[in-house]
């Protein structure tokens, strides 16, 4: 199986360099952790500590067909503060090691596919204990971490829904590893913390600690779980398994267990084309997303225009076909796939 990211991997790694200063202190290699004995209950649910995770969040936004860019909530407010555009929005929860290049890859993948992505930085809390060692696959080093990070997730969902450029009806909660535990176990405290769907990457929903086990998503919040059958993090009797064991009655949810090939022994899965396609197919079922480049090309072909091969690559021929369609509907030429074109295509697609 081939890795999906080629040139985009290079771009994302370049992005990782650009945000190195922003992620300083937000991962295991740079965070100064607090002695667990010095952490009290008031520290865990301190509103000021929770707010820090939002203020330090990484933000990515779509920037043309199959492209995205890093931005800030302030810049988005300046551009869309009047509510002229609302984005489907993903709250991305990082793993136990904090924000790293893999976090950026996943956020870029989502933004390239039409999501505004907000990645809260739980390690921005000034009172925070280390919870894992990625080198030894040791996790659960500070049991209350999950409760703290669930508060971070709830705050991010609720706060995002209040932004004028967020489509509150089309929100995703997604996470990898410990972030996947959050996506699986987060229990909304109110309707303002509900999401349209969840994606759990690299977690089995099995644990010796009750608060880490199972699925807490309401039954009408569909869940996609992705895990390798031989994931190196989950080899003991407490966590072997998969989230599908907790999906009885959840007809819209899906558990994907990779039993063979290189994915079977992988922890990080969303770097592979097959997993990305599985994820996007699920998300398009449950979240209203903009048409992908491939969908635009297929629709143009079906309407009798020639965008070139239906390959998901935006180019001059696809743009020429789009402008031919626009001309047929009395619209001026454009230099890119814009909102008016997506609106037209969406109307034609619905017949």
C-alpha atoms as a PDB file:
ATOM      1  CA  UNK A   1       0.000   0.000   0.000  1.00  0.00           C
ATOM      2  CA  UNK A   2       1.282   3.435  -0.915  1.00  0.00           C
ATOM      3  CA  UNK A   3       1.460   6.433   1.356  1.00  0.00           C
ATOM      4  CA  UNK A   4      -0.840   9.218   0.163  1.00  0.00           C
ATOM      5  CA  UNK A   5       1.352  12.162   1.062  1.00  0.00           C
ATOM      6  CA  UNK A   6       4.064  12.865  -1.500  1.00  0.00           C
ATOM      7  CA  UNK A   7       4.461  16.512  -2.379  1.00  0.00           C
ATOM      8  CA  UNK A   8       1.849  17.281   0.266  1.00  0.00           C
ATOM      9  CA  UNK A   9       4.005  15.541   2.869  1.00  0.00           C
ATOM     10  CA  UNK A  10       6.870  17.856   1.992  1.00  0.00           C
ATOM     11  CA  UNK A  11       4.524  20.845   2.218  1.00  0.00           C
ATOM     12  CA  UNK A  12       3.217  19.735   5.584  1.00  0.00           C
ATOM     13  CA  UNK A  13       6.704  19.168   6.920  1.00  0.00           C
ATOM     14  CA  UNK A  14       7.561  22.684   5.739  1.00  0.00           C
ATOM     15  CA  UNK A  15       4.501  23.850   7.632  1.00  0.00           C
ATOM     16  CA  UNK A  16       5.800  22.041  10.707  1.00  0.00           C
ATOM     17  CA  UNK A  17       8.950  24.129  10.477  1.00  0.00           C
ATOM     18  CA  UNK A  18       6.923  27.322  10.137  1.00  0.00           C
ATOM     19  CA  UNK A  19       4.981  26.637  13.317  1.00  0.00           C
ATOM     20  CA  UNK A  20       7.895  25.306  15.367  1.00  0.00           C
ATOM     21  CA  UNK A  21       7.865  28.386  17.564  1.00  0.00           C
ATOM     22  CA  UNK A  22       4.122  28.062  18.089  1.00  0.00           C
ATOM     23  CA  UNK A  23       4.421  24.441  19.250  1.00  0.00           C
ATOM     24  CA  UNK A  24       7.314  25.127  21.618  1.00  0.00           C
ATOM     25  CA  UNK A  25       6.280  23.771  24.995  1.00  0.00           C
ATOM     26  CA  UNK A  26       3.303  21.933  23.487  1.00  0.00           C
ATOM     27  CA  UNK A  27       4.790  18.449  23.100  1.00  0.00           C
ATOM     28  CA  UNK A  28       6.781  15.909  25.089  1.00  0.00           C
ATOM     29  CA  UNK A  29      10.110  17.096  23.744  1.00  0.00           C
ATOM     30  CA  UNK A  30       9.664  20.704  24.859  1.00  0.00           C
ATOM     31  CA  UNK A  31       7.036  20.789  27.615  1.00  0.00           C
ATOM     32  CA  UNK A  32       8.048  21.429  31.223  1.00  0.00           C
ATOM     33  CA  UNK A  33       5.714  19.065  33.037  1.00  0.00           C
ATOM     34  CA  UNK A  34       4.212  19.467  36.487  1.00  0.00           C
ATOM     35  CA  UNK A  35       4.844  16.928  39.243  1.00  0.00           C
ATOM     36  CA  UNK A  36       1.529  15.010  39.516  1.00  0.00           C
ATOM     37  CA  UNK A  37       1.627  15.431  43.294  1.00  0.00           C
ATOM     38  CA  UNK A  38       1.361  19.181  42.765  1.00  0.00           C
ATOM     39  CA  UNK A  39      -1.838  19.009  40.663  1.00  0.00           C
ATOM     40  CA  UNK A  40      -5.153  19.529  42.430  1.00  0.00           C
ATOM     41  CA  UNK A  41      -8.742  19.212  41.271  1.00  0.00           C
ATOM     42  CA  UNK A  42      -9.050  22.993  40.990  1.00  0.00           C
ATOM     43  CA  UNK A  43      -6.150  22.998  38.502  1.00  0.00           C
ATOM     44  CA  UNK A  44      -7.879  20.461  36.264  1.00  0.00           C
ATOM     45  CA  UNK A  45     -11.111  22.397  35.729  1.00  0.00           C
ATOM     46  CA  UNK A  46      -9.696  25.909  36.108  1.00  0.00           C
ATOM     47  CA  UNK A  47     -11.390  27.990  33.354  1.00  0.00           C
ATOM     48  CA  UNK A  48      -8.187  29.976  32.820  1.00  0.00           C
ATOM     49  CA  UNK A  49      -6.221  26.766  32.209  1.00  0.00           C
ATOM     50  CA  UNK A  50      -8.856  25.466  29.777  1.00  0.00           C
ATOM     51  CA  UNK A  51      -8.904  28.788  27.931  1.00  0.00           C
ATOM     52  CA  UNK A  52      -5.151  28.538  27.392  1.00  0.00           C
ATOM     53  CA  UNK A  53      -5.655  25.369  25.307  1.00  0.00           C
ATOM     54  CA  UNK A  54      -7.991  27.296  23.000  1.00  0.00           C
ATOM     55  CA  UNK A  55      -5.803  30.379  22.753  1.00  0.00           C
ATOM     56  CA  UNK A  56      -2.805  28.234  21.730  1.00  0.00           C
ATOM     57  CA  UNK A  57      -4.753  26.195  19.152  1.00  0.00           C
ATOM     58  CA  UNK A  58      -3.416  25.667  15.646  1.00  0.00           C
ATOM     59  CA  UNK A  59      -5.929  26.679  12.971  1.00  0.00           C
ATOM     60  CA  UNK A  60      -6.075  25.620   9.312  1.00  0.00           C
ATOM     61  CA  UNK A  61      -8.608  26.667   6.690  1.00  0.00           C
ATOM     62  CA  UNK A  62      -9.380  25.637   3.084  1.00  0.00           C
ATOM     63  CA  UNK A  63      -7.577  27.796   0.514  1.00  0.00           C
ATOM     64  CA  UNK A  64      -8.747  26.667  -2.910  1.00  0.00           C
ATOM     65  CA  UNK A  65      -9.295  23.243  -4.486  1.00  0.00           C
ATOM     66  CA  UNK A  66      -7.461  20.633  -2.458  1.00  0.00           C
ATOM     67  CA  UNK A  67      -5.398  23.264  -0.658  1.00  0.00           C
ATOM     68  CA  UNK A  68      -5.286  24.828   2.781  1.00  0.00           C
ATOM     69  CA  UNK A  69      -3.295  27.268   4.836  1.00  0.00           C
ATOM     70  CA  UNK A  70      -2.490  27.926   8.450  1.00  0.00           C
ATOM     71  CA  UNK A  71      -4.308  30.958   9.784  1.00  0.00           C
ATOM     72  CA  UNK A  72      -5.633  32.443  13.009  1.00  0.00           C
ATOM     73  CA  UNK A  73      -9.098  32.883  14.411  1.00  0.00           C
ATOM     74  CA  UNK A  74      -8.515  36.637  14.380  1.00  0.00           C
ATOM     75  CA  UNK A  75      -7.750  36.608  10.647  1.00  0.00           C
ATOM     76  CA  UNK A  76     -10.805  34.448   9.982  1.00  0.00           C
ATOM     77  CA  UNK A  77     -12.938  36.890  11.917  1.00  0.00           C
ATOM     78  CA  UNK A  78     -11.551  39.748   9.837  1.00  0.00           C
ATOM     79  CA  UNK A  79     -12.405  37.882   6.617  1.00  0.00           C
ATOM     80  CA  UNK A  80     -15.700  36.219   7.565  1.00  0.00           C
ATOM     81  CA  UNK A  81     -16.824  37.982  10.728  1.00  0.00           C
ATOM     82  CA  UNK A  82     -20.070  39.088   9.099  1.00  0.00           C
ATOM     83  CA  UNK A  83     -21.068  35.466   8.554  1.00  0.00           C
ATOM     84  CA  UNK A  84     -20.598  35.596   4.778  1.00  0.00           C
ATOM     85  CA  UNK A  85     -19.162  32.082   4.821  1.00  0.00           C
ATOM     86  CA  UNK A  86     -19.571  29.227   7.298  1.00  0.00           C
ATOM     87  CA  UNK A  87     -17.139  26.325   7.266  1.00  0.00           C
ATOM     88  CA  UNK A  88     -17.755  22.754   8.358  1.00  0.00           C
ATOM     89  CA  UNK A  89     -15.418  22.569  11.334  1.00  0.00           C
ATOM     90  CA  UNK A  90     -13.239  19.865  12.862  1.00  0.00           C
ATOM     91  CA  UNK A  91     -11.977  19.953  16.432  1.00  0.00           C
ATOM     92  CA  UNK A  92      -8.729  17.950  16.291  1.00  0.00           C
ATOM     93  CA  UNK A  93      -7.432  16.442  19.548  1.00  0.00           C
ATOM     94  CA  UNK A  94      -3.722  15.623  19.510  1.00  0.00           C
ATOM     95  CA  UNK A  95      -2.175  12.502  21.032  1.00  0.00           C
ATOM     96  CA  UNK A  96      -0.506  12.106  24.417  1.00  0.00           C
ATOM     97  CA  UNK A  97       2.822  13.387  23.086  1.00  0.00           C
ATOM     98  CA  UNK A  98       1.310  16.745  22.145  1.00  0.00           C
ATOM     99  CA  UNK A  99       1.405  18.659  18.874  1.00  0.00           C
ATOM    100  CA  UNK A 100       3.885  17.267  16.326  1.00  0.00           C
ATOM    101  CA  UNK A 101       4.295  17.015  12.551  1.00  0.00           C
ATOM    102  CA  UNK A 102       1.748  14.187  12.431  1.00  0.00           C
ATOM    103  CA  UNK A 103      -0.842  16.478  14.023  1.00  0.00           C
ATOM    104  CA  UNK A 104      -0.216  19.009  11.273  1.00  0.00           C
ATOM    105  CA  UNK A 105      -0.502  16.338   8.576  1.00  0.00           C
ATOM    106  CA  UNK A 106      -3.928  15.310   9.830  1.00  0.00           C
ATOM    107  CA  UNK A 107      -5.126  18.869  10.202  1.00  0.00           C
ATOM    108  CA  UNK A 108      -3.917  19.675   6.692  1.00  0.00           C
ATOM    109  CA  UNK A 109      -5.689  16.599   5.295  1.00  0.00           C
ATOM    110  CA  UNK A 110      -8.974  17.746   6.828  1.00  0.00           C
ATOM    111  CA  UNK A 111      -8.537  21.365   5.718  1.00  0.00           C
ATOM    112  CA  UNK A 112      -7.600  20.278   2.186  1.00  0.00           C
ATOM    113  CA  UNK A 113     -10.969  18.498   2.140  1.00  0.00           C
ATOM    114  CA  UNK A 114     -13.043  21.492   3.153  1.00  0.00           C
ATOM    115  CA  UNK A 115     -12.889  21.674   6.954  1.00  0.00           C
ATOM    116  CA  UNK A 116     -11.900  24.599   9.086  1.00  0.00           C
ATOM    117  CA  UNK A 117      -9.691  22.751  11.583  1.00  0.00           C
ATOM    118  CA  UNK A 118      -9.059  23.913  15.133  1.00  0.00           C
ATOM    119  CA  UNK A 119      -6.507  21.931  17.138  1.00  0.00           C
ATOM    120  CA  UNK A 120      -6.614  22.823  20.858  1.00  0.00           C
ATOM    121  CA  UNK A 121      -3.235  22.500  22.575  1.00  0.00           C
ATOM    122  CA  UNK A 122      -3.839  20.737  25.880  1.00  0.00           C
ATOM    123  CA  UNK A 123      -0.183  21.157  26.849  1.00  0.00           C
ATOM    124  CA  UNK A 124      -0.683  24.916  26.846  1.00  0.00           C
ATOM    125  CA  UNK A 125      -1.987  24.392  30.380  1.00  0.00           C
ATOM    126  CA  UNK A 126       0.680  25.602  32.787  1.00  0.00           C
ATOM    127  CA  UNK A 127      -0.293  22.820  35.200  1.00  0.00           C
ATOM    128  CA  UNK A 128       0.000  19.557  33.260  1.00  0.00           C
ATOM    129  CA  UNK A 129       1.649  16.200  33.966  1.00  0.00           C
ATOM    130  CA  UNK A 130       3.293  13.934  31.424  1.00  0.00           C
ATOM    131  CA  UNK A 131       0.908  11.167  30.351  1.00  0.00           C
ATOM    132  CA  UNK A 132       2.970   8.960  28.022  1.00  0.00           C
ATOM    133  CA  UNK A 133       6.370   7.974  26.672  1.00  0.00           C
ATOM    134  CA  UNK A 134       6.153   7.427  22.919  1.00  0.00           C
ATOM    135  CA  UNK A 135       9.527   5.684  22.780  1.00  0.00           C
ATOM    136  CA  UNK A 136       8.424   2.878  25.119  1.00  0.00           C
ATOM    137  CA  UNK A 137       4.675   2.939  24.316  1.00  0.00           C
ATOM    138  CA  UNK A 138       3.935   3.596  27.966  1.00  0.00           C
ATOM    139  CA  UNK A 139       0.686   5.470  28.479  1.00  0.00           C
ATOM    140  CA  UNK A 140      -1.664   6.357  31.317  1.00  0.00           C
ATOM    141  CA  UNK A 141       1.147   7.935  33.331  1.00  0.00           C
ATOM    142  CA  UNK A 142      -1.306  10.433  34.842  1.00  0.00           C
ATOM    143  CA  UNK A 143      -4.826   9.059  35.059  1.00  0.00           C
ATOM    144  CA  UNK A 144      -6.725  12.381  35.401  1.00  0.00           C
ATOM    145  CA  UNK A 145      -5.357  13.587  32.039  1.00  0.00           C
ATOM    146  CA  UNK A 146      -8.438  12.277  30.256  1.00  0.00           C
ATOM    147  CA  UNK A 147     -10.809  14.321  32.407  1.00  0.00           C
ATOM    148  CA  UNK A 148      -8.758  17.456  31.791  1.00  0.00           C
ATOM    149  CA  UNK A 149      -8.669  16.949  28.048  1.00  0.00           C
ATOM    150  CA  UNK A 150     -12.387  16.204  27.829  1.00  0.00           C
ATOM    151  CA  UNK A 151     -12.935  19.655  29.335  1.00  0.00           C
ATOM    152  CA  UNK A 152     -10.619  21.091  26.672  1.00  0.00           C
ATOM    153  CA  UNK A 153     -12.639  19.379  23.925  1.00  0.00           C
ATOM    154  CA  UNK A 154     -15.988  20.535  25.277  1.00  0.00           C
ATOM    155  CA  UNK A 155     -14.782  24.103  25.574  1.00  0.00           C
ATOM    156  CA  UNK A 156     -13.417  24.047  22.006  1.00  0.00           C
ATOM    157  CA  UNK A 157     -16.654  22.676  20.536  1.00  0.00           C
ATOM    158  CA  UNK A 158     -18.843  25.122  22.414  1.00  0.00           C
ATOM    159  CA  UNK A 159     -16.637  28.125  21.711  1.00  0.00           C
ATOM    160  CA  UNK A 160     -16.272  27.261  18.018  1.00  0.00           C
ATOM    161  CA  UNK A 161     -20.047  27.085  17.636  1.00  0.00           C
ATOM    162  CA  UNK A 162     -20.244  30.720  18.687  1.00  0.00           C
ATOM    163  CA  UNK A 163     -17.981  31.904  15.853  1.00  0.00           C
ATOM    164  CA  UNK A 164     -19.733  33.500  12.855  1.00  0.00           C
ATOM    165  CA  UNK A 165     -17.701  31.525  10.316  1.00  0.00           C
ATOM    166  CA  UNK A 166     -18.353  28.080  11.851  1.00  0.00           C
ATOM    167  CA  UNK A 167     -21.190  25.885  10.592  1.00  0.00           C
ATOM    168  CA  UNK A 168     -22.425  24.669  13.964  1.00  0.00           C
ATOM    169  CA  UNK A 169     -24.531  21.932  12.378  1.00  0.00           C
ATOM    170  CA  UNK A 170     -21.544  20.375  10.630  1.00  0.00           C
ATOM    171  CA  UNK A 171     -18.902  19.799  13.275  1.00  0.00           C
ATOM    172  CA  UNK A 172     -16.502  16.891  13.673  1.00  0.00           C
ATOM    173  CA  UNK A 173     -14.621  15.692  16.762  1.00  0.00           C
ATOM    174  CA  UNK A 174     -11.534  13.736  15.732  1.00  0.00           C
ATOM    175  CA  UNK A 175      -8.386  12.561  17.481  1.00  0.00           C
ATOM    176  CA  UNK A 176      -5.389  10.240  17.337  1.00  0.00           C
ATOM    177  CA  UNK A 177      -4.305   7.932  20.177  1.00  0.00           C
ATOM    178  CA  UNK A 178      -5.053   9.763  23.437  1.00  0.00           C
ATOM    179  CA  UNK A 179      -6.898  12.274  21.284  1.00  0.00           C
ATOM    180  CA  UNK A 180      -8.828   9.296  19.914  1.00  0.00           C
ATOM    181  CA  UNK A 181      -9.729   8.337  23.481  1.00  0.00           C
ATOM    182  CA  UNK A 182     -11.181  11.838  23.846  1.00  0.00           C
ATOM    183  CA  UNK A 183     -13.142  11.481  20.598  1.00  0.00           C
ATOM    184  CA  UNK A 184     -14.539   8.162  21.841  1.00  0.00           C
ATOM    185  CA  UNK A 185     -15.311   9.028  25.465  1.00  0.00           C
ATOM    186  CA  UNK A 186     -16.247  12.718  25.396  1.00  0.00           C
ATOM    187  CA  UNK A 187     -19.769  13.141  26.760  1.00  0.00           C
ATOM    188  CA  UNK A 188     -21.461  16.414  25.769  1.00  0.00           C
ATOM    189  CA  UNK A 189     -22.760  18.358  28.749  1.00  0.00           C
ATOM    190  CA  UNK A 190     -25.266  20.289  26.625  1.00  0.00           C
ATOM    191  CA  UNK A 191     -26.529  20.590  23.044  1.00  0.00           C
ATOM    192  CA  UNK A 192     -23.890  23.260  22.477  1.00  0.00           C
ATOM    193  CA  UNK A 193     -21.230  20.537  22.842  1.00  0.00           C
ATOM    194  CA  UNK A 194     -22.814  18.135  20.351  1.00  0.00           C
ATOM    195  CA  UNK A 195     -21.138  17.294  17.037  1.00  0.00           C
ATOM    196  CA  UNK A 196     -22.355  15.762  13.779  1.00  0.00           C
ATOM    197  CA  UNK A 197     -19.775  12.938  13.720  1.00  0.00           C
ATOM    198  CA  UNK A 198     -16.626  11.597  15.377  1.00  0.00           C
ATOM    199  CA  UNK A 199     -13.481   9.862  14.125  1.00  0.00           C
ATOM    200  CA  UNK A 200     -11.343   7.755  16.467  1.00  0.00           C
ATOM    201  CA  UNK A 201      -7.875   6.939  15.107  1.00  0.00           C
ATOM    202  CA  UNK A 202      -5.495   4.551  16.845  1.00  0.00           C
ATOM    203  CA  UNK A 203      -7.625   3.491  19.815  1.00  0.00           C
ATOM    204  CA  UNK A 204      -9.426   0.263  20.753  1.00  0.00           C
ATOM    205  CA  UNK A 205     -12.030   1.609  23.233  1.00  0.00           C
ATOM    206  CA  UNK A 206     -10.751  -1.080  25.643  1.00  0.00           C
ATOM    207  CA  UNK A 207      -9.093  -0.116  28.928  1.00  0.00           C
ATOM    208  CA  UNK A 208      -8.651  -1.193  32.519  1.00  0.00           C
ATOM    209  CA  UNK A 209      -9.817   2.233  33.681  1.00  0.00           C
ATOM    210  CA  UNK A 210     -13.582   2.593  33.287  1.00  0.00           C
ATOM    211  CA  UNK A 211     -13.472   6.220  32.221  1.00  0.00           C
ATOM    212  CA  UNK A 212     -11.227   5.337  29.270  1.00  0.00           C
ATOM    213  CA  UNK A 213     -13.380   2.437  28.020  1.00  0.00           C
ATOM    214  CA  UNK A 214     -16.237   2.331  25.531  1.00  0.00           C
ATOM    215  CA  UNK A 215     -18.059   5.045  23.593  1.00  0.00           C
ATOM    216  CA  UNK A 216     -19.810   7.999  25.204  1.00  0.00           C
ATOM    217  CA  UNK A 217     -21.031   9.579  21.976  1.00  0.00           C
ATOM    218  CA  UNK A 218     -24.820   9.922  21.862  1.00  0.00           C
ATOM    219  CA  UNK A 219     -26.292   7.284  19.565  1.00  0.00           C
ATOM    220  CA  UNK A 220     -27.171   9.881  16.936  1.00  0.00           C
ATOM    221  CA  UNK A 221     -23.527  10.995  16.684  1.00  0.00           C
ATOM    222  CA  UNK A 222     -22.016   8.463  14.233  1.00  0.00           C
ATOM    223  CA  UNK A 223     -18.516   7.239  15.025  1.00  0.00           C
ATOM    224  CA  UNK A 224     -15.815   5.933  12.680  1.00  0.00           C
ATOM    225  CA  UNK A 225     -13.021   4.063  14.437  1.00  0.00           C
ATOM    226  CA  UNK A 226      -9.754   3.102  12.760  1.00  0.00           C
ATOM    227  CA  UNK A 227      -7.220   0.746  14.330  1.00  0.00           C
ATOM    228  CA  UNK A 228      -4.556  -1.762  13.348  1.00  0.00           C
ATOM    229  CA  UNK A 229      -5.091  -5.287  14.694  1.00  0.00           C
ATOM    230  CA  UNK A 230      -1.444  -5.352  15.835  1.00  0.00           C
ATOM    231  CA  UNK A 231      -1.128  -1.743  16.960  1.00  0.00           C
ATOM    232  CA  UNK A 232       2.067  -1.742  19.087  1.00  0.00           C
ATOM    233  CA  UNK A 233       0.473   0.441  21.768  1.00  0.00           C
ATOM    234  CA  UNK A 234      -2.290  -2.066  22.544  1.00  0.00           C
ATOM    235  CA  UNK A 235      -0.841  -5.483  23.194  1.00  0.00           C
ATOM    236  CA  UNK A 236      -1.943  -6.256  26.769  1.00  0.00           C
ATOM    237  CA  UNK A 237      -5.099  -7.930  28.019  1.00  0.00           C
ATOM    238  CA  UNK A 238      -6.685  -4.633  29.007  1.00  0.00           C
ATOM    239  CA  UNK A 239      -6.687  -2.883  25.659  1.00  0.00           C
ATOM    240  CA  UNK A 240      -6.633  -5.506  22.883  1.00  0.00           C
ATOM    241  CA  UNK A 241      -9.723  -5.202  20.726  1.00  0.00           C
ATOM    242  CA  UNK A 242     -11.563  -2.522  18.783  1.00  0.00           C
ATOM    243  CA  UNK A 243     -14.314   0.068  19.196  1.00  0.00           C
ATOM    244  CA  UNK A 244     -16.744  -1.997  17.145  1.00  0.00           C
ATOM    245  CA  UNK A 245     -17.381  -4.041  20.276  1.00  0.00           C
ATOM    246  CA  UNK A 246     -19.247  -1.006  21.645  1.00  0.00           C
ATOM    247  CA  UNK A 247     -21.261  -0.131  18.535  1.00  0.00           C
ATOM    248  CA  UNK A 248     -24.353  -2.306  18.980  1.00  0.00           C
ATOM    249  CA  UNK A 249     -27.387  -0.294  17.927  1.00  0.00           C
ATOM    250  CA  UNK A 250     -25.264   2.365  16.224  1.00  0.00           C
ATOM    251  CA  UNK A 251     -26.323   1.695  12.636  1.00  0.00           C
ATOM    252  CA  UNK A 252     -24.503   4.741  11.247  1.00  0.00           C
ATOM    253  CA  UNK A 253     -21.221   4.004  13.043  1.00  0.00           C
ATOM    254  CA  UNK A 254     -18.386   1.931  11.627  1.00  0.00           C
ATOM    255  CA  UNK A 255     -15.358   0.130  13.034  1.00  0.00           C
ATOM    256  CA  UNK A 256     -12.482  -0.548  10.637  1.00  0.00           C
ATOM    257  CA  UNK A 257      -9.815  -2.976  11.834  1.00  0.00           C
ATOM    258  CA  UNK A 258      -6.805  -3.392   9.541  1.00  0.00           C
ATOM    259  CA  UNK A 259      -5.958  -7.073   9.870  1.00  0.00           C
ATOM    260  CA  UNK A 260      -3.143  -7.479   7.340  1.00  0.00           C
ATOM    261  CA  UNK A 261      -0.380  -5.628   5.532  1.00  0.00           C
ATOM    262  CA  UNK A 262       1.566  -2.709   6.920  1.00  0.00           C
ATOM    263  CA  UNK A 263      -1.534  -1.020   8.336  1.00  0.00           C
ATOM    264  CA  UNK A 264      -2.113  -3.914  10.756  1.00  0.00           C
ATOM    265  CA  UNK A 265       0.913  -2.905  12.838  1.00  0.00           C
ATOM    266  CA  UNK A 266       0.524   0.856  12.474  1.00  0.00           C
ATOM    267  CA  UNK A 267      -0.590   3.253  15.192  1.00  0.00           C
ATOM    268  CA  UNK A 268      -0.827   6.313  12.937  1.00  0.00           C
ATOM    269  CA  UNK A 269      -3.147   5.389  10.059  1.00  0.00           C
ATOM    270  CA  UNK A 270      -4.402   8.567   8.427  1.00  0.00           C
ATOM    271  CA  UNK A 271      -1.159   9.015   6.501  1.00  0.00           C
ATOM    272  CA  UNK A 272      -2.312   6.335   4.034  1.00  0.00           C
ATOM    273  CA  UNK A 273      -4.542   6.848   1.007  1.00  0.00           C
ATOM    274  CA  UNK A 274      -6.858   3.917   1.759  1.00  0.00           C
ATOM    275  CA  UNK A 275      -7.530   5.199   5.268  1.00  0.00           C
ATOM    276  CA  UNK A 276      -8.073   8.743   4.046  1.00  0.00           C
ATOM    277  CA  UNK A 277     -10.571   7.540   1.450  1.00  0.00           C
ATOM    278  CA  UNK A 278     -12.373   5.461   4.083  1.00  0.00           C
ATOM    279  CA  UNK A 279     -12.532   8.488   6.347  1.00  0.00           C
ATOM    280  CA  UNK A 280     -13.772  10.918   3.709  1.00  0.00           C
ATOM    281  CA  UNK A 281     -16.435   8.479   2.515  1.00  0.00           C
ATOM    282  CA  UNK A 282     -17.731   8.287   6.091  1.00  0.00           C
ATOM    283  CA  UNK A 283     -17.579  12.037   6.644  1.00  0.00           C
ATOM    284  CA  UNK A 284     -19.409  12.845   3.408  1.00  0.00           C
ATOM    285  CA  UNK A 285     -22.256  10.626   4.603  1.00  0.00           C
ATOM    286  CA  UNK A 286     -22.717  12.596   7.796  1.00  0.00           C
ATOM    287  CA  UNK A 287     -21.330  16.107   7.240  1.00  0.00           C
ATOM    288  CA  UNK A 288     -22.227  18.616   4.544  1.00  0.00           C
ATOM    289  CA  UNK A 289     -18.871  19.234   2.857  1.00  0.00           C
ATOM    290  CA  UNK A 290     -17.957  21.217  -0.275  1.00  0.00           C
ATOM    291  CA  UNK A 291     -17.596  19.205  -3.463  1.00  0.00           C
ATOM    292  CA  UNK A 292     -14.132  17.711  -3.836  1.00  0.00           C
ATOM    293  CA  UNK A 293     -12.067  18.366  -6.972  1.00  0.00           C
ATOM    294  CA  UNK A 294     -12.747  14.804  -8.094  1.00  0.00           C
ATOM    295  CA  UNK A 295     -16.487  15.324  -7.620  1.00  0.00           C
ATOM    296  CA  UNK A 296     -16.337  18.608  -9.555  1.00  0.00           C
ATOM    297  CA  UNK A 297     -14.523  16.874 -12.414  1.00  0.00           C
ATOM    298  CA  UNK A 298     -17.012  14.021 -12.474  1.00  0.00           C
ATOM    299  CA  UNK A 299     -19.973  16.415 -12.456  1.00  0.00           C
ATOM    300  CA  UNK A 300     -18.478  18.502 -15.271  1.00  0.00           C
ATOM    301  CA  UNK A 301     -17.959  15.300 -17.264  1.00  0.00           C
ATOM    302  CA  UNK A 302     -21.533  14.189 -16.623  1.00  0.00           C
ATOM    303  CA  UNK A 303     -22.784  17.613 -17.806  1.00  0.00           C
ATOM    304  CA  UNK A 304     -20.927  17.255 -21.106  1.00  0.00           C
ATOM    305  CA  UNK A 305     -17.833  19.323 -20.395  1.00  0.00           C
ATOM    306  CA  UNK A 306     -14.246  18.073 -20.569  1.00  0.00           C
ATOM    307  CA  UNK A 307     -12.249  18.716 -17.373  1.00  0.00           C
ATOM    308  CA  UNK A 308      -9.581  16.171 -18.294  1.00  0.00           C
ATOM    309  CA  UNK A 309      -9.096  13.004 -16.271  1.00  0.00           C
ATOM    310  CA  UNK A 310     -11.194  12.598 -13.119  1.00  0.00           C
ATOM    311  CA  UNK A 311      -8.125  12.395 -10.906  1.00  0.00           C
ATOM    312  CA  UNK A 312      -8.643  14.989  -8.185  1.00  0.00           C
ATOM    313  CA  UNK A 313      -5.894  17.246  -9.573  1.00  0.00           C
ATOM    314  CA  UNK A 314      -7.033  20.804 -10.276  1.00  0.00           C
ATOM    315  CA  UNK A 315      -5.520  22.210 -13.463  1.00  0.00           C
ATOM    316  CA  UNK A 316      -6.052  24.483 -16.472  1.00  0.00           C
ATOM    317  CA  UNK A 317      -8.329  22.030 -18.270  1.00  0.00           C
ATOM    318  CA  UNK A 318     -10.633  21.651 -15.276  1.00  0.00           C
ATOM    319  CA  UNK A 319     -10.766  25.434 -14.883  1.00  0.00           C
ATOM    320  CA  UNK A 320     -11.574  25.867 -18.606  1.00  0.00           C
ATOM    321  CA  UNK A 321     -14.418  23.351 -18.325  1.00  0.00           C
ATOM    322  CA  UNK A 322     -15.744  25.141 -15.255  1.00  0.00           C
ATOM    323  CA  UNK A 323     -15.687  28.501 -17.054  1.00  0.00           C
ATOM    324  CA  UNK A 324     -17.465  26.973 -20.046  1.00  0.00           C
ATOM    325  CA  UNK A 325     -20.191  25.821 -17.670  1.00  0.00           C
ATOM    326  CA  UNK A 326     -20.359  29.247 -16.050  1.00  0.00           C
ATOM    327  CA  UNK A 327     -20.640  30.943 -19.452  1.00  0.00           C
ATOM    328  CA  UNK A 328     -23.562  28.662 -20.318  1.00  0.00           C
ATOM    329  CA  UNK A 329     -25.302  29.970 -17.208  1.00  0.00           C
ATOM    330  CA  UNK A 330     -24.481  33.629 -17.823  1.00  0.00           C
ATOM    331  CA  UNK A 331     -21.720  33.858 -15.230  1.00  0.00           C
ATOM    332  CA  UNK A 332     -18.333  35.554 -15.706  1.00  0.00           C
ATOM    333  CA  UNK A 333     -15.044  33.692 -15.826  1.00  0.00           C
ATOM    334  CA  UNK A 334     -13.183  32.923 -12.609  1.00  0.00           C
ATOM    335  CA  UNK A 335      -9.590  32.045 -11.907  1.00  0.00           C
ATOM    336  CA  UNK A 336     -10.337  29.398  -9.306  1.00  0.00           C
ATOM    337  CA  UNK A 337     -13.097  27.243  -7.888  1.00  0.00           C
ATOM    338  CA  UNK A 338     -15.018  29.870  -5.947  1.00  0.00           C
ATOM    339  CA  UNK A 339     -18.171  29.936  -3.840  1.00  0.00           C
ATOM    340  CA  UNK A 340     -20.439  30.908  -6.730  1.00  0.00           C
ATOM    341  CA  UNK A 341     -19.140  27.983  -8.792  1.00  0.00           C
ATOM    342  CA  UNK A 342     -19.640  25.549  -5.933  1.00  0.00           C
ATOM    343  CA  UNK A 343     -23.179  26.861  -5.483  1.00  0.00           C
ATOM    344  CA  UNK A 344     -23.929  26.382  -9.191  1.00  0.00           C
ATOM    345  CA  UNK A 345     -22.422  22.892  -9.242  1.00  0.00           C
ATOM    346  CA  UNK A 346     -24.328  21.950  -6.115  1.00  0.00           C
ATOM    347  CA  UNK A 347     -27.608  23.054  -7.676  1.00  0.00           C
ATOM    348  CA  UNK A 348     -26.901  21.150 -10.882  1.00  0.00           C
ATOM    349  CA  UNK A 349     -25.884  18.076  -8.934  1.00  0.00           C
ATOM    350  CA  UNK A 350     -29.229  18.040  -7.126  1.00  0.00           C
ATOM    351  CA  UNK A 351     -30.996  18.301 -10.478  1.00  0.00           C
END
